Amino acid sequence: MRKTLDTARTYIGKRVRIVFDRPLGARHPEHGFRYEVNYGYIPGVFAADGEELDAYFLGSAEPLKETEGVCIAIIHREDDDDDKLVVVPEGIEMTDEAICAAVRFQEHFFRSSVMRR
């Protein structure tokens, strides 16, 4: 098991704070695609790549600077050690299929899947 996945798993079911460096509608600085959801990181929690642990925030139609929510899943990348938390507003549930559809704009570049535990 890889280090980022180990770290990410500890957050499933927990409330987390996310800071967004790529809010809804932002463009990727290198590849130019548009972020279809708010995307950011968990401050002070580091992944295997030395960067703070990334998170998708699903359930907001507005660009955000930061928010809190509950981690319901992980986007596990089989071909990249850069797994992402999936965070939603408290009380929201999503199917794996809905999660995959929401993050496809970026995850279609990778072999990824939804992990719940």
PDB file of N, CA and C in Angstrom:
ATOM      1  N   MET A   1       0.835  -1.181   0.000  1.00  0.00           N
ATOM      2  CA  MET A   1       0.000   0.000   0.000  1.00  0.00           C
ATOM      3  C   MET A   1       0.884   1.249   0.000  1.00  0.00           C
ATOM      4  N   ARG A   2       0.461   2.238  -0.708  1.00  0.00           N
ATOM      5  CA  ARG A   2       1.271   3.441  -0.837  1.00  0.00           C
ATOM      6  C   ARG A   2       0.967   4.436   0.270  1.00  0.00           C
ATOM      7  N   LYS A   3       1.923   5.293   0.515  1.00  0.00           N
ATOM      8  CA  LYS A   3       1.818   6.250   1.615  1.00  0.00           C
ATOM      9  C   LYS A   3       0.633   7.211   1.476  1.00  0.00           C
ATOM     10  N   THR A   4       0.398   7.775   0.303  1.00  0.00           N
ATOM     11  CA  THR A   4      -0.706   8.722   0.156  1.00  0.00           C
ATOM     12  C   THR A   4      -2.040   8.045   0.450  1.00  0.00           C
ATOM     13  N   LEU A   5      -2.220   6.824  -0.029  1.00  0.00           N
ATOM     14  CA  LEU A   5      -3.462   6.106   0.239  1.00  0.00           C
ATOM     15  C   LEU A   5      -3.615   5.847   1.734  1.00  0.00           C
ATOM     16  N   ASP A   6      -2.542   5.483   2.399  1.00  0.00           N
ATOM     17  CA  ASP A   6      -2.596   5.277   3.858  1.00  0.00           C
ATOM     18  C   ASP A   6      -3.064   6.547   4.562  1.00  0.00           C
ATOM     19  N   THR A   7      -2.489   7.669   4.195  1.00  0.00           N
ATOM     20  CA  THR A   7      -2.863   8.955   4.798  1.00  0.00           C
ATOM     21  C   THR A   7      -4.315   9.285   4.488  1.00  0.00           C
ATOM     22  N   ALA A   8      -4.708   9.153   3.230  1.00  0.00           N
ATOM     23  CA  ALA A   8      -6.069   9.499   2.809  1.00  0.00           C
ATOM     24  C   ALA A   8      -7.111   8.660   3.540  1.00  0.00           C
ATOM     25  N   ARG A   9      -6.849   7.391   3.721  1.00  0.00           N
ATOM     26  CA  ARG A   9      -7.828   6.505   4.380  1.00  0.00           C
ATOM     27  C   ARG A   9      -8.182   6.958   5.788  1.00  0.00           C
ATOM     28  N   THR A  10      -7.266   7.607   6.471  1.00  0.00           N
ATOM     29  CA  THR A  10      -7.546   8.037   7.851  1.00  0.00           C
ATOM     30  C   THR A  10      -8.607   9.128   7.899  1.00  0.00           C
ATOM     31  N   TYR A  11      -8.948   9.736   6.765  1.00  0.00           N
ATOM     32  CA  TYR A  11      -9.909  10.840   6.740  1.00  0.00           C
ATOM     33  C   TYR A  11     -11.324  10.425   6.363  1.00  0.00           C
ATOM     34  N   ILE A  12     -11.530   9.207   5.890  1.00  0.00           N
ATOM     35  CA  ILE A  12     -12.876   8.780   5.504  1.00  0.00           C
ATOM     36  C   ILE A  12     -13.798   8.840   6.722  1.00  0.00           C
ATOM     37  N   GLY A  13     -14.921   9.526   6.541  1.00  0.00           N
ATOM     38  CA  GLY A  13     -15.907   9.684   7.606  1.00  0.00           C
ATOM     39  C   GLY A  13     -15.644  10.849   8.535  1.00  0.00           C
ATOM     40  N   LYS A  14     -14.532  11.552   8.328  1.00  0.00           N
ATOM     41  CA  LYS A  14     -14.178  12.664   9.217  1.00  0.00           C
ATOM     42  C   LYS A  14     -14.497  14.014   8.575  1.00  0.00           C
ATOM     43  N   ARG A  15     -14.740  14.978   9.442  1.00  0.00           N
ATOM     44  CA  ARG A  15     -14.939  16.366   9.019  1.00  0.00           C
ATOM     45  C   ARG A  15     -13.566  16.984   8.788  1.00  0.00           C
ATOM     46  N   VAL A  16     -13.401  17.691   7.663  1.00  0.00           N
ATOM     47  CA  VAL A  16     -12.122  18.302   7.308  1.00  0.00           C
ATOM     48  C   VAL A  16     -12.335  19.725   6.817  1.00  0.00           C
ATOM     49  N   ARG A  17     -11.286  20.507   6.907  1.00  0.00           N
ATOM     50  CA  ARG A  17     -11.264  21.863   6.339  1.00  0.00           C
ATOM     51  C   ARG A  17     -10.426  21.820   5.075  1.00  0.00           C
ATOM     52  N   ILE A  18     -10.944  22.432   4.017  1.00  0.00           N
ATOM     53  CA  ILE A  18     -10.250  22.488   2.726  1.00  0.00           C
ATOM     54  C   ILE A  18     -10.002  23.936   2.356  1.00  0.00           C
ATOM     55  N   VAL A  19      -8.807  24.217   1.877  1.00  0.00           N
ATOM     56  CA  VAL A  19      -8.461  25.506   1.284  1.00  0.00           C
ATOM     57  C   VAL A  19      -8.367  25.259  -0.224  1.00  0.00           C
ATOM     58  N   PHE A  20      -9.018  26.122  -1.009  1.00  0.00           N
ATOM     59  CA  PHE A  20      -9.068  25.916  -2.449  1.00  0.00           C
ATOM     60  C   PHE A  20      -8.060  26.781  -3.183  1.00  0.00           C
ATOM     61  N   ASP A  21      -7.119  26.117  -3.854  1.00  0.00           N
ATOM     62  CA  ASP A  21      -6.194  26.833  -4.724  1.00  0.00           C
ATOM     63  C   ASP A  21      -6.675  26.800  -6.175  1.00  0.00           C
ATOM     64  N   ARG A  22      -7.665  25.953  -6.452  1.00  0.00           N
ATOM     65  CA  ARG A  22      -8.279  25.882  -7.775  1.00  0.00           C
ATOM     66  C   ARG A  22      -9.798  25.794  -7.597  1.00  0.00           C
ATOM     67  N   PRO A  23     -10.419  26.935  -7.381  1.00  0.00           N
ATOM     68  CA  PRO A  23     -11.874  26.941  -7.182  1.00  0.00           C
ATOM     69  C   PRO A  23     -12.615  26.600  -8.471  1.00  0.00           C
ATOM     70  N   LEU A  24     -13.877  26.282  -8.314  1.00  0.00           N
ATOM     71  CA  LEU A  24     -14.751  25.991  -9.441  1.00  0.00           C
ATOM     72  C   LEU A  24     -14.563  27.045 -10.530  1.00  0.00           C
ATOM     73  N   GLY A  25     -14.309  26.577 -11.760  1.00  0.00           N
ATOM     74  CA  GLY A  25     -14.145  27.485 -12.903  1.00  0.00           C
ATOM     75  C   GLY A  25     -12.714  27.878 -13.205  1.00  0.00           C
ATOM     76  N   ALA A  26     -11.789  27.634 -12.280  1.00  0.00           N
ATOM     77  CA  ALA A  26     -10.374  27.975 -12.509  1.00  0.00           C
ATOM     78  C   ALA A  26      -9.805  27.082 -13.615  1.00  0.00           C
ATOM     79  N   ARG A  27      -8.743  27.552 -14.224  1.00  0.00           N
ATOM     80  CA  ARG A  27      -8.036  26.767 -15.246  1.00  0.00           C
ATOM     81  C   ARG A  27      -6.789  26.139 -14.632  1.00  0.00           C
ATOM     82  N   HIS A  28      -6.490  24.912 -15.058  1.00  0.00           N
ATOM     83  CA  HIS A  28      -5.260  24.262 -14.609  1.00  0.00           C
ATOM     84  C   HIS A  28      -4.083  25.066 -15.147  1.00  0.00           C
ATOM     85  N   PRO A  29      -3.093  25.378 -14.299  1.00  0.00           N
ATOM     86  CA  PRO A  29      -2.006  26.259 -14.730  1.00  0.00           C
ATOM     87  C   PRO A  29      -1.119  25.681 -15.828  1.00  0.00           C
ATOM     88  N   GLU A  30      -1.048  24.374 -15.934  1.00  0.00           N
ATOM     89  CA  GLU A  30      -0.172  23.760 -16.930  1.00  0.00           C
ATOM     90  C   GLU A  30      -0.938  23.185 -18.116  1.00  0.00           C
ATOM     91  N   HIS A  31      -2.071  22.527 -17.853  1.00  0.00           N
ATOM     92  CA  HIS A  31      -2.789  21.807 -18.899  1.00  0.00           C
ATOM     93  C   HIS A  31      -4.009  22.548 -19.442  1.00  0.00           C
ATOM     94  N   GLY A  32      -4.436  23.605 -18.766  1.00  0.00           N
ATOM     95  CA  GLY A  32      -5.470  24.484 -19.284  1.00  0.00           C
ATOM     96  C   GLY A  32      -6.913  24.036 -19.138  1.00  0.00           C
ATOM     97  N   PHE A  33      -7.170  22.819 -18.647  1.00  0.00           N
ATOM     98  CA  PHE A  33      -8.568  22.415 -18.500  1.00  0.00           C
ATOM     99  C   PHE A  33      -9.220  23.183 -17.358  1.00  0.00           C
ATOM    100  N   ARG A  34     -10.553  23.250 -17.375  1.00  0.00           N
ATOM    101  CA  ARG A  34     -11.316  24.006 -16.384  1.00  0.00           C
ATOM    102  C   ARG A  34     -11.757  23.081 -15.250  1.00  0.00           C
ATOM    103  N   TYR A  35     -11.633  23.550 -14.031  1.00  0.00           N
ATOM    104  CA  TYR A  35     -12.085  22.789 -12.860  1.00  0.00           C
ATOM    105  C   TYR A  35     -13.599  22.888 -12.756  1.00  0.00           C
ATOM    106  N   GLU A  36     -14.245  21.738 -12.802  1.00  0.00           N
ATOM    107  CA  GLU A  36     -15.703  21.664 -12.763  1.00  0.00           C
ATOM    108  C   GLU A  36     -16.237  21.536 -11.344  1.00  0.00           C
ATOM    109  N   VAL A  37     -15.339  21.425 -10.371  1.00  0.00           N
ATOM    110  CA  VAL A  37     -15.681  21.411  -8.946  1.00  0.00           C
ATOM    111  C   VAL A  37     -14.593  22.194  -8.215  1.00  0.00           C
ATOM    112  N   ASN A  38     -14.849  22.546  -6.976  1.00  0.00           N
ATOM    113  CA  ASN A  38     -13.815  23.189  -6.158  1.00  0.00           C
ATOM    114  C   ASN A  38     -12.763  22.144  -5.797  1.00  0.00           C
ATOM    115  N   TYR A  39     -11.489  22.521  -5.957  1.00  0.00           N
ATOM    116  CA  TYR A  39     -10.376  21.589  -5.754  1.00  0.00           C
ATOM    117  C   TYR A  39      -9.319  22.282  -4.901  1.00  0.00           C
ATOM    118  N   GLY A  40      -8.899  21.604  -3.867  1.00  0.00           N
ATOM    119  CA  GLY A  40      -7.905  22.221  -2.996  1.00  0.00           C
ATOM    120  C   GLY A  40      -7.155  21.188  -2.184  1.00  0.00           C
ATOM    121  N   TYR A  41      -6.849  21.542  -0.952  1.00  0.00           N
ATOM    122  CA  TYR A  41      -6.005  20.693  -0.124  1.00  0.00           C
ATOM    123  C   TYR A  41      -6.373  20.836   1.344  1.00  0.00           C
ATOM    124  N   ILE A  42      -5.916  19.845   2.125  1.00  0.00           N
ATOM    125  CA  ILE A  42      -6.111  19.837   3.568  1.00  0.00           C
ATOM    126  C   ILE A  42      -4.857  20.476   4.175  1.00  0.00           C
ATOM    127  N   PRO A  43      -4.964  21.661   4.752  1.00  0.00           N
ATOM    128  CA  PRO A  43      -3.770  22.349   5.264  1.00  0.00           C
ATOM    129  C   PRO A  43      -3.042  21.530   6.331  1.00  0.00           C
ATOM    130  N   GLY A  44      -1.727  21.443   6.156  1.00  0.00           N
ATOM    131  CA  GLY A  44      -0.881  20.784   7.148  1.00  0.00           C
ATOM    132  C   GLY A  44      -0.832  19.275   7.064  1.00  0.00           C
ATOM    133  N   VAL A  45      -1.531  18.672   6.095  1.00  0.00           N
ATOM    134  CA  VAL A  45      -1.506  17.216   5.910  1.00  0.00           C
ATOM    135  C   VAL A  45      -0.792  16.942   4.591  1.00  0.00           C
ATOM    136  N   PHE A  46       0.315  16.232   4.666  1.00  0.00           N
ATOM    137  CA  PHE A  46       1.152  16.053   3.482  1.00  0.00           C
ATOM    138  C   PHE A  46       1.030  14.658   2.880  1.00  0.00           C
ATOM    139  N   ALA A  47       1.020  14.612   1.554  1.00  0.00           N
ATOM    140  CA  ALA A  47       0.958  13.366   0.792  1.00  0.00           C
ATOM    141  C   ALA A  47       2.380  12.925   0.452  1.00  0.00           C
ATOM    142  N   ALA A  48       2.485  11.791  -0.232  1.00  0.00           N
ATOM    143  CA  ALA A  48       3.788  11.223  -0.582  1.00  0.00           C
ATOM    144  C   ALA A  48       4.602  12.133  -1.501  1.00  0.00           C
ATOM    145  N   ASP A  49       3.931  12.991  -2.267  1.00  0.00           N
ATOM    146  CA  ASP A  49       4.648  13.885  -3.183  1.00  0.00           C
ATOM    147  C   ASP A  49       5.209  15.128  -2.490  1.00  0.00           C
ATOM    148  N   GLY A  50       5.020  15.218  -1.165  1.00  0.00           N
ATOM    149  CA  GLY A  50       5.532  16.367  -0.417  1.00  0.00           C
ATOM    150  C   GLY A  50       4.597  17.565  -0.409  1.00  0.00           C
ATOM    151  N   GLU A  51       3.522  17.490  -1.173  1.00  0.00           N
ATOM    152  CA  GLU A  51       2.521  18.552  -1.217  1.00  0.00           C
ATOM    153  C   GLU A  51       1.392  18.204  -0.257  1.00  0.00           C
ATOM    154  N   GLU A  52       0.590  19.205   0.084  1.00  0.00           N
ATOM    155  CA  GLU A  52      -0.537  18.943   0.971  1.00  0.00           C
ATOM    156  C   GLU A  52      -1.570  18.056   0.266  1.00  0.00           C
ATOM    157  N   LEU A  53      -2.264  17.245   1.066  1.00  0.00           N
ATOM    158  CA  LEU A  53      -3.209  16.255   0.560  1.00  0.00           C
ATOM    159  C   LEU A  53      -4.356  16.934  -0.187  1.00  0.00           C
ATOM    160  N   ASP A  54      -4.566  16.540  -1.431  1.00  0.00           N
ATOM    161  CA  ASP A  54      -5.576  17.144  -2.305  1.00  0.00           C
ATOM    162  C   ASP A  54      -6.971  16.654  -1.980  1.00  0.00           C
ATOM    163  N   ALA A  55      -7.956  17.499  -2.311  1.00  0.00           N
ATOM    164  CA  ALA A  55      -9.355  17.136  -2.076  1.00  0.00           C
ATOM    165  C   ALA A  55     -10.254  17.789  -3.120  1.00  0.00           C
ATOM    166  N   TYR A  56     -11.228  17.007  -3.572  1.00  0.00           N
ATOM    167  CA  TYR A  56     -12.330  17.524  -4.380  1.00  0.00           C
ATOM    168  C   TYR A  56     -13.460  17.839  -3.414  1.00  0.00           C
ATOM    169  N   PHE A  57     -14.113  18.985  -3.605  1.00  0.00           N
ATOM    170  CA  PHE A  57     -15.303  19.309  -2.815  1.00  0.00           C
ATOM    171  C   PHE A  57     -16.490  19.297  -3.764  1.00  0.00           C
ATOM    172  N   LEU A  58     -17.388  18.340  -3.551  1.00  0.00           N
ATOM    173  CA  LEU A  58     -18.558  18.170  -4.403  1.00  0.00           C
ATOM    174  C   LEU A  58     -19.791  18.677  -3.673  1.00  0.00           C
ATOM    175  N   GLY A  59     -20.678  19.336  -4.391  1.00  0.00           N
ATOM    176  CA  GLY A  59     -21.914  19.795  -3.773  1.00  0.00           C
ATOM    177  C   GLY A  59     -22.026  21.302  -3.654  1.00  0.00           C
ATOM    178  N   SER A  60     -21.164  22.041  -4.327  1.00  0.00           N
ATOM    179  CA  SER A  60     -21.256  23.492  -4.323  1.00  0.00           C
ATOM    180  C   SER A  60     -21.250  23.987  -5.766  1.00  0.00           C
ATOM    181  N   ALA A  61     -22.152  24.885  -6.076  1.00  0.00           N
ATOM    182  CA  ALA A  61     -22.211  25.454  -7.421  1.00  0.00           C
ATOM    183  C   ALA A  61     -21.482  26.791  -7.502  1.00  0.00           C
ATOM    184  N   GLU A  62     -20.836  27.191  -6.413  1.00  0.00           N
ATOM    185  CA  GLU A  62     -20.127  28.474  -6.356  1.00  0.00           C
ATOM    186  C   GLU A  62     -18.634  28.249  -6.108  1.00  0.00           C
ATOM    187  N   PRO A  63     -17.761  29.088  -6.680  1.00  0.00           N
ATOM    188  CA  PRO A  63     -16.336  29.001  -6.346  1.00  0.00           C
ATOM    189  C   PRO A  63     -16.139  29.359  -4.867  1.00  0.00           C
ATOM    190  N   LEU A  64     -15.306  28.608  -4.194  1.00  0.00           N
ATOM    191  CA  LEU A  64     -15.062  28.813  -2.764  1.00  0.00           C
ATOM    192  C   LEU A  64     -13.589  29.084  -2.492  1.00  0.00           C
ATOM    193  N   LYS A  65     -13.324  29.781  -1.384  1.00  0.00           N
ATOM    194  CA  LYS A  65     -11.938  29.989  -0.929  1.00  0.00           C
ATOM    195  C   LYS A  65     -11.548  28.915   0.075  1.00  0.00           C
ATOM    196  N   GLU A  66     -12.491  28.562   0.946  1.00  0.00           N
ATOM    197  CA  GLU A  66     -12.291  27.465   1.886  1.00  0.00           C
ATOM    198  C   GLU A  66     -13.641  27.038   2.423  1.00  0.00           C
ATOM    199  N   THR A  67     -13.691  25.824   2.967  1.00  0.00           N
ATOM    200  CA  THR A  67     -14.923  25.309   3.540  1.00  0.00           C
ATOM    201  C   THR A  67     -14.597  24.100   4.403  1.00  0.00           C
ATOM    202  N   GLU A  68     -15.615  23.586   5.062  1.00  0.00           N
ATOM    203  CA  GLU A  68     -15.519  22.333   5.797  1.00  0.00           C
ATOM    204  C   GLU A  68     -16.555  21.374   5.246  1.00  0.00           C
ATOM    205  N   GLY A  69     -16.249  20.102   5.341  1.00  0.00           N
ATOM    206  CA  GLY A  69     -17.176  19.069   4.897  1.00  0.00           C
ATOM    207  C   GLY A  69     -16.732  17.727   5.423  1.00  0.00           C
ATOM    208  N   VAL A  70     -17.414  16.687   4.988  1.00  0.00           N
ATOM    209  CA  VAL A  70     -17.132  15.321   5.434  1.00  0.00           C
ATOM    210  C   VAL A  70     -16.517  14.538   4.273  1.00  0.00           C
ATOM    211  N   CYS A  71     -15.432  13.850   4.545  1.00  0.00           N
ATOM    212  CA  CYS A  71     -14.791  13.003   3.540  1.00  0.00           C
ATOM    213  C   CYS A  71     -15.595  11.711   3.412  1.00  0.00           C
ATOM    214  N   ILE A  72     -16.146  11.471   2.215  1.00  0.00           N
ATOM    215  CA  ILE A  72     -16.967  10.275   1.998  1.00  0.00           C
ATOM    216  C   ILE A  72     -16.235   9.202   1.193  1.00  0.00           C
ATOM    217  N   ALA A  73     -15.122   9.562   0.560  1.00  0.00           N
ATOM    218  CA  ALA A  73     -14.427   8.600  -0.291  1.00  0.00           C
ATOM    219  C   ALA A  73     -13.041   9.133  -0.657  1.00  0.00           C
ATOM    220  N   ILE A  74     -12.322   8.304  -1.385  1.00  0.00           N
ATOM    221  CA  ILE A  74     -11.006   8.656  -1.924  1.00  0.00           C
ATOM    222  C   ILE A  74     -11.034   8.354  -3.417  1.00  0.00           C
ATOM    223  N   ILE A  75     -10.456   9.236  -4.205  1.00  0.00           N
ATOM    224  CA  ILE A  75     -10.165   8.904  -5.601  1.00  0.00           C
ATOM    225  C   ILE A  75      -8.770   8.302  -5.579  1.00  0.00           C
ATOM    226  N   HIS A  76      -8.708   6.998  -5.815  1.00  0.00           N
ATOM    227  CA  HIS A  76      -7.439   6.273  -5.793  1.00  0.00           C
ATOM    228  C   HIS A  76      -6.900   6.160  -7.209  1.00  0.00           C
ATOM    229  N   ARG A  77      -5.714   6.700  -7.420  1.00  0.00           N
ATOM    230  CA  ARG A  77      -5.072   6.626  -8.731  1.00  0.00           C
ATOM    231  C   ARG A  77      -4.119   5.438  -8.750  1.00  0.00           C
ATOM    232  N   GLU A  78      -4.382   4.518  -9.648  1.00  0.00           N
ATOM    233  CA  GLU A  78      -3.549   3.323  -9.761  1.00  0.00           C
ATOM    234  C   GLU A  78      -2.223   3.610 -10.443  1.00  0.00           C
ATOM    235  N   ASP A  79      -2.157   4.663 -11.237  1.00  0.00           N
ATOM    236  CA  ASP A  79      -0.952   4.955 -11.999  1.00  0.00           C
ATOM    237  C   ASP A  79      -0.264   6.245 -11.555  1.00  0.00           C
ATOM    238  N   ASP A  80      -0.590   6.715 -10.339  1.00  0.00           N
ATOM    239  CA  ASP A  80       0.007   7.947  -9.827  1.00  0.00           C
ATOM    240  C   ASP A  80      -0.209   7.973  -8.312  1.00  0.00           C
ATOM    241  N   ASP A  81       0.828   8.227  -7.546  1.00  0.00           N
ATOM    242  CA  ASP A  81       0.685   8.255  -6.082  1.00  0.00           C
ATOM    243  C   ASP A  81       0.214   9.640  -5.641  1.00  0.00           C
ATOM    244  N   ASP A  82      -0.982   9.998  -6.080  1.00  0.00           N
ATOM    245  CA  ASP A  82      -1.538  11.303  -5.748  1.00  0.00           C
ATOM    246  C   ASP A  82      -3.045  11.164  -5.552  1.00  0.00           C
ATOM    247  N   ASP A  83      -3.430  10.294  -4.605  1.00  0.00           N
ATOM    248  CA  ASP A  83      -4.840  10.073  -4.316  1.00  0.00           C
ATOM    249  C   ASP A  83      -5.479  11.348  -3.770  1.00  0.00           C
ATOM    250  N   LYS A  84      -6.792  11.477  -3.968  1.00  0.00           N
ATOM    251  CA  LYS A  84      -7.542  12.684  -3.599  1.00  0.00           C
ATOM    252  C   LYS A  84      -8.687  12.324  -2.651  1.00  0.00           C
ATOM    253  N   LEU A  85      -8.938  13.175  -1.678  1.00  0.00           N
ATOM    254  CA  LEU A  85     -10.118  13.017  -0.848  1.00  0.00           C
ATOM    255  C   LEU A  85     -11.341  13.514  -1.619  1.00  0.00           C
ATOM    256  N   VAL A  86     -12.495  12.909  -1.351  1.00  0.00           N
ATOM    257  CA  VAL A  86     -13.778  13.385  -1.876  1.00  0.00           C
ATOM    258  C   VAL A  86     -14.556  13.880  -0.669  1.00  0.00           C
ATOM    259  N   VAL A  87     -14.817  15.182  -0.644  1.00  0.00           N
ATOM    260  CA  VAL A  87     -15.457  15.820   0.500  1.00  0.00           C
ATOM    261  C   VAL A  87     -16.763  16.456   0.035  1.00  0.00           C
ATOM    262  N   VAL A  88     -17.788  16.345   0.882  1.00  0.00           N
ATOM    263  CA  VAL A  88     -19.106  16.890   0.574  1.00  0.00           C
ATOM    264  C   VAL A  88     -19.639  17.639   1.793  1.00  0.00           C
ATOM    265  N   PRO A  89     -20.655  18.491   1.606  1.00  0.00           N
ATOM    266  CA  PRO A  89     -21.305  19.104   2.765  1.00  0.00           C
ATOM    267  C   PRO A  89     -21.911  18.011   3.655  1.00  0.00           C
ATOM    268  N   GLU A  90     -21.938  18.259   4.940  1.00  0.00           N
ATOM    269  CA  GLU A  90     -22.478  17.279   5.878  1.00  0.00           C
ATOM    270  C   GLU A  90     -23.899  16.902   5.494  1.00  0.00           C
ATOM    271  N   GLY A  91     -24.193  15.594   5.538  1.00  0.00           N
ATOM    272  CA  GLY A  91     -25.524  15.097   5.218  1.00  0.00           C
ATOM    273  C   GLY A  91     -25.727  14.707   3.764  1.00  0.00           C
ATOM    274  N   ILE A  92     -24.760  14.991   2.909  1.00  0.00           N
ATOM    275  CA  ILE A  92     -24.864  14.657   1.485  1.00  0.00           C
ATOM    276  C   ILE A  92     -24.259  13.265   1.249  1.00  0.00           C
ATOM    277  N   GLU A  93     -24.955  12.463   0.470  1.00  0.00           N
ATOM    278  CA  GLU A  93     -24.440  11.158   0.049  1.00  0.00           C
ATOM    279  C   GLU A  93     -24.343  11.153  -1.470  1.00  0.00           C
ATOM    280  N   MET A  94     -23.382  10.425  -2.006  1.00  0.00           N
ATOM    281  CA  MET A  94     -23.220  10.306  -3.452  1.00  0.00           C
ATOM    282  C   MET A  94     -22.841   8.877  -3.796  1.00  0.00           C
ATOM    283  N   THR A  95     -23.318   8.408  -4.931  1.00  0.00           N
ATOM    284  CA  THR A  95     -22.918   7.093  -5.416  1.00  0.00           C
ATOM    285  C   THR A  95     -21.509   7.189  -6.004  1.00  0.00           C
ATOM    286  N   ASP A  96     -20.868   6.041  -6.146  1.00  0.00           N
ATOM    287  CA  ASP A  96     -19.556   6.013  -6.794  1.00  0.00           C
ATOM    288  C   ASP A  96     -19.644   6.566  -8.208  1.00  0.00           C
ATOM    289  N   GLU A  97     -20.719   6.236  -8.899  1.00  0.00           N
ATOM    290  CA  GLU A  97     -20.901   6.703 -10.276  1.00  0.00           C
ATOM    291  C   GLU A  97     -21.013   8.224 -10.334  1.00  0.00           C
ATOM    292  N   ALA A  98     -21.736   8.818  -9.394  1.00  0.00           N
ATOM    293  CA  ALA A  98     -21.875  10.279  -9.359  1.00  0.00           C
ATOM    294  C   ALA A  98     -20.542  10.947  -9.048  1.00  0.00           C
ATOM    295  N   ILE A  99     -19.776  10.354  -8.149  1.00  0.00           N
ATOM    296  CA  ILE A  99     -18.450  10.891  -7.832  1.00  0.00           C
ATOM    297  C   ILE A  99     -17.562  10.840  -9.075  1.00  0.00           C
ATOM    298  N   CYS A 100     -17.527   9.693  -9.738  1.00  0.00           N
ATOM    299  CA  CYS A 100     -16.698   9.551 -10.943  1.00  0.00           C
ATOM    300  C   CYS A 100     -17.087  10.566 -12.013  1.00  0.00           C
ATOM    301  N   ALA A 101     -18.379  10.775 -12.199  1.00  0.00           N
ATOM    302  CA  ALA A 101     -18.842  11.742 -13.194  1.00  0.00           C
ATOM    303  C   ALA A 101     -18.406  13.161 -12.832  1.00  0.00           C
ATOM    304  N   ALA A 102     -18.442  13.498 -11.548  1.00  0.00           N
ATOM    305  CA  ALA A 102     -18.098  14.855 -11.103  1.00  0.00           C
ATOM    306  C   ALA A 102     -16.614  15.168 -11.270  1.00  0.00           C
ATOM    307  N   VAL A 103     -15.756  14.160 -11.158  1.00  0.00           N
ATOM    308  CA  VAL A 103     -14.308  14.411 -11.208  1.00  0.00           C
ATOM    309  C   VAL A 103     -13.668  13.962 -12.529  1.00  0.00           C
ATOM    310  N   ARG A 104     -14.497  13.513 -13.448  1.00  0.00           N
ATOM    311  CA  ARG A 104     -13.983  13.023 -14.724  1.00  0.00           C
ATOM    312  C   ARG A 104     -13.148  14.061 -15.466  1.00  0.00           C
ATOM    313  N   PHE A 105     -13.469  15.335 -15.334  1.00  0.00           N
ATOM    314  CA  PHE A 105     -12.748  16.402 -16.035  1.00  0.00           C
ATOM    315  C   PHE A 105     -11.234  16.304 -15.812  1.00  0.00           C
ATOM    316  N   GLN A 106     -10.813  15.784 -14.660  1.00  0.00           N
ATOM    317  CA  GLN A 106      -9.379  15.633 -14.376  1.00  0.00           C
ATOM    318  C   GLN A 106      -8.964  14.155 -14.324  1.00  0.00           C
ATOM    319  N   GLU A 107      -9.813  13.330 -13.773  1.00  0.00           N
ATOM    320  CA  GLU A 107      -9.426  11.932 -13.560  1.00  0.00           C
ATOM    321  C   GLU A 107      -9.381  11.096 -14.837  1.00  0.00           C
ATOM    322  N   HIS A 108      -9.926  11.608 -15.937  1.00  0.00           N
ATOM    323  CA  HIS A 108      -9.860  10.826 -17.174  1.00  0.00           C
ATOM    324  C   HIS A 108      -8.426  10.698 -17.686  1.00  0.00           C
ATOM    325  N   PHE A 109      -7.504  11.480 -17.134  1.00  0.00           N
ATOM    326  CA  PHE A 109      -6.087  11.364 -17.502  1.00  0.00           C
ATOM    327  C   PHE A 109      -5.407  10.197 -16.783  1.00  0.00           C
ATOM    328  N   PHE A 110      -6.079   9.588 -15.811  1.00  0.00           N
ATOM    329  CA  PHE A 110      -5.490   8.563 -14.943  1.00  0.00           C
ATOM    330  C   PHE A 110      -6.388   7.341 -14.874  1.00  0.00           C
ATOM    331  N   ARG A 111      -5.830   6.244 -14.394  1.00  0.00           N
ATOM    332  CA  ARG A 111      -6.626   5.065 -14.060  1.00  0.00           C
ATOM    333  C   ARG A 111      -6.996   5.237 -12.583  1.00  0.00           C
ATOM    334  N   SER A 112      -8.217   5.640 -12.337  1.00  0.00           N
ATOM    335  CA  SER A 112      -8.614   5.919 -10.953  1.00  0.00           C
ATOM    336  C   SER A 112      -9.936   5.242 -10.641  1.00  0.00           C
ATOM    337  N   SER A 113     -10.158   5.081  -9.339  1.00  0.00           N
ATOM    338  CA  SER A 113     -11.394   4.467  -8.870  1.00  0.00           C
ATOM    339  C   SER A 113     -11.774   5.088  -7.534  1.00  0.00           C
ATOM    340  N   VAL A 114     -13.029   4.889  -7.152  1.00  0.00           N
ATOM    341  CA  VAL A 114     -13.539   5.396  -5.882  1.00  0.00           C
ATOM    342  C   VAL A 114     -13.315   4.329  -4.815  1.00  0.00           C
ATOM    343  N   MET A 115     -12.750   4.738  -3.687  1.00  0.00           N
ATOM    344  CA  MET A 115     -12.580   3.844  -2.546  1.00  0.00           C
ATOM    345  C   MET A 115     -13.350   4.434  -1.372  1.00  0.00           C
ATOM    346  N   ARG A 116     -14.062   3.570  -0.672  1.00  0.00           N
ATOM    347  CA  ARG A 116     -14.860   4.030   0.470  1.00  0.00           C
ATOM    348  C   ARG A 116     -14.221   3.674   1.805  1.00  0.00           C
ATOM    349  N   ARG A 117     -13.417   2.643   1.887  1.00  0.00           N
ATOM    350  CA  ARG A 117     -12.765   2.242   3.155  1.00  0.00           C
ATOM    351  C   ARG A 117     -11.389   1.715   2.906  1.00  0.00           C
TER     352      ARG A 117
END
